[in-house]
């Protein structure tokens, strides 16, 4: 069993003029086990990057470490965007 800590600050908008808007923000997540003696992680709870909600232009969950062409996911995630 693990505990998830996710901080999500999305969509800061700065209006430059009537036709231009600058936006940005960041997302951060950390996963840590509740039982430190035998840590185990469910693959569905791990963090993945790629897709329209994290990195446009990449397929969904396509970025990160791989094993036999499968993305492994991670226990820490930091994404900044503008």
Foldseek 3Di string as FASTA:
>chain_A
DKDKDKDFDAWDWDDPDPPDIDIKGKIKMAMDHPDPVDDDDDQVPAAAAADDVADPPGHPRQDDDDDPNDHRGHRIDMGIDD
